[in-house]
Amino acid sequence: MSRLKQNQIIDSAIQSVASITESQCSLSEKDLIVFNEALERLQFLKRKKGKTNEQICQEIAKVVELLIEFFAKN
């Protein structure tokens, strides 16, 4: 996958997670922590230079785990 496409996907994920945290005032403190951690991981991934596809997949998997934790609970 091209670097441009990777960045577009990461940007889209960042916007989606940020949108949830901004528009959902009913989130608990624990839920906000989960979303903020996911957001931090995505932002780190975007800033990190020289990342391999394996590193990208691992970080995306961690973000998905965090989001599954939230949605499975609710």
C-alpha atoms as a PDB file:
ATOM      1  CA  MET A   1       0.000   0.000   0.000  1.00  0.00           C
ATOM      2  CA  SER A   2       1.346   3.426  -0.857  1.00  0.00           C
ATOM      3  CA  ARG A   3       2.371   5.830   1.883  1.00  0.00           C
ATOM      4  CA  LEU A   4      -0.253   8.328   0.660  1.00  0.00           C
ATOM      5  CA  LYS A   5      -3.019   5.729   0.977  1.00  0.00           C
ATOM      6  CA  GLN A   6      -1.755   4.723   4.457  1.00  0.00           C
ATOM      7  CA  ASN A   7      -1.837   8.337   5.595  1.00  0.00           C
ATOM      8  CA  GLN A   8      -5.338   8.815   4.196  1.00  0.00           C
ATOM      9  CA  ILE A   9      -6.589   5.759   6.091  1.00  0.00           C
ATOM     10  CA  ILE A  10      -4.924   6.886   9.320  1.00  0.00           C
ATOM     11  CA  ASP A  11      -6.304  10.429   8.893  1.00  0.00           C
ATOM     12  CA  SER A  12      -9.786   9.042   8.374  1.00  0.00           C
ATOM     13  CA  ALA A  13      -9.514   6.888  11.502  1.00  0.00           C
ATOM     14  CA  ILE A  14      -8.256   9.876  13.534  1.00  0.00           C
ATOM     15  CA  GLN A  15     -11.184  12.005  12.359  1.00  0.00           C
ATOM     16  CA  SER A  16     -13.681   9.264  13.165  1.00  0.00           C
ATOM     17  CA  VAL A  17     -12.405   8.648  16.691  1.00  0.00           C
ATOM     18  CA  ALA A  18     -12.095  12.385  17.387  1.00  0.00           C
ATOM     19  CA  SER A  19     -15.641  12.900  16.131  1.00  0.00           C
ATOM     20  CA  ILE A  20     -16.980  10.313  18.577  1.00  0.00           C
ATOM     21  CA  THR A  21     -15.213  11.869  21.566  1.00  0.00           C
ATOM     22  CA  GLU A  22     -16.354  15.392  20.643  1.00  0.00           C
ATOM     23  CA  SER A  23     -19.990  14.601  19.899  1.00  0.00           C
ATOM     24  CA  GLN A  24     -20.772  12.111  22.657  1.00  0.00           C
ATOM     25  CA  CYS A  25     -21.063  14.043  25.909  1.00  0.00           C
ATOM     26  CA  SER A  26     -22.592  10.989  27.581  1.00  0.00           C
ATOM     27  CA  LEU A  27     -19.345   8.991  27.483  1.00  0.00           C
ATOM     28  CA  SER A  28     -18.016   7.923  30.849  1.00  0.00           C
ATOM     29  CA  GLU A  29     -14.526   8.844  32.011  1.00  0.00           C
ATOM     30  CA  LYS A  30     -13.377   5.264  31.313  1.00  0.00           C
ATOM     31  CA  ASP A  31     -14.824   5.403  27.793  1.00  0.00           C
ATOM     32  CA  LEU A  32     -13.028   8.671  27.112  1.00  0.00           C
ATOM     33  CA  ILE A  33      -9.762   7.113  28.271  1.00  0.00           C
ATOM     34  CA  VAL A  34     -10.244   4.250  25.800  1.00  0.00           C
ATOM     35  CA  PHE A  35     -11.022   6.616  22.911  1.00  0.00           C
ATOM     36  CA  ASN A  36      -8.165   8.961  23.812  1.00  0.00           C
ATOM     37  CA  GLU A  37      -5.707   6.055  23.892  1.00  0.00           C
ATOM     38  CA  ALA A  38      -6.921   4.938  20.470  1.00  0.00           C
ATOM     39  CA  LEU A  39      -6.554   8.507  19.209  1.00  0.00           C
ATOM     40  CA  GLU A  40      -3.038   8.823  20.641  1.00  0.00           C
ATOM     41  CA  ARG A  41      -1.959   5.572  19.014  1.00  0.00           C
ATOM     42  CA  LEU A  42      -3.287   6.716  15.640  1.00  0.00           C
ATOM     43  CA  GLN A  43      -1.637  10.121  15.920  1.00  0.00           C
ATOM     44  CA  PHE A  44       1.674   8.490  16.883  1.00  0.00           C
ATOM     45  CA  LEU A  45       1.365   6.163  13.910  1.00  0.00           C
ATOM     46  CA  LYS A  46       0.804   9.126  11.610  1.00  0.00           C
ATOM     47  CA  ARG A  47       3.867  10.989  12.939  1.00  0.00           C
ATOM     48  CA  LYS A  48       6.213   8.004  12.959  1.00  0.00           C
ATOM     49  CA  LYS A  49       8.512   7.890   9.944  1.00  0.00           C
ATOM     50  CA  GLY A  50       9.933   4.715   8.444  1.00  0.00           C
ATOM     51  CA  LYS A  51       7.210   2.432   9.744  1.00  0.00           C
ATOM     52  CA  THR A  52       6.908  -1.024   8.266  1.00  0.00           C
ATOM     53  CA  ASN A  53       3.647  -2.601   7.188  1.00  0.00           C
ATOM     54  CA  GLU A  54       3.957  -4.967  10.156  1.00  0.00           C
ATOM     55  CA  GLN A  55       4.252  -2.049  12.599  1.00  0.00           C
ATOM     56  CA  ILE A  56       1.246  -0.364  11.021  1.00  0.00           C
ATOM     57  CA  CYS A  57      -0.804  -3.560  11.259  1.00  0.00           C
ATOM     58  CA  GLN A  58       0.170  -4.066  14.911  1.00  0.00           C
ATOM     59  CA  GLU A  59      -0.827  -0.522  15.891  1.00  0.00           C
ATOM     60  CA  ILE A  60      -4.095  -0.711  13.949  1.00  0.00           C
ATOM     61  CA  ALA A  61      -4.839  -4.045  15.658  1.00  0.00           C
ATOM     62  CA  LYS A  62      -4.302  -2.419  19.070  1.00  0.00           C
ATOM     63  CA  VAL A  63      -6.651   0.430  18.132  1.00  0.00           C
ATOM     64  CA  VAL A  64      -9.273  -2.067  16.961  1.00  0.00           C
ATOM     65  CA  GLU A  65      -8.929  -3.973  20.253  1.00  0.00           C
ATOM     66  CA  LEU A  66      -9.566  -0.769  22.181  1.00  0.00           C
ATOM     67  CA  LEU A  67     -12.637   0.040  20.118  1.00  0.00           C
ATOM     68  CA  ILE A  68     -13.958  -3.516  20.423  1.00  0.00           C
ATOM     69  CA  GLU A  69     -13.534  -3.212  24.194  1.00  0.00           C
ATOM     70  CA  PHE A  70     -15.781  -0.157  24.146  1.00  0.00           C
ATOM     71  CA  PHE A  71     -18.430  -1.468  21.741  1.00  0.00           C
ATOM     72  CA  ALA A  72     -18.585  -4.947  23.294  1.00  0.00           C
ATOM     73  CA  LYS A  73     -19.204  -3.371  26.684  1.00  0.00           C
ATOM     74  CA  ASN A  74     -22.006  -1.161  25.405  1.00  0.00           C
END
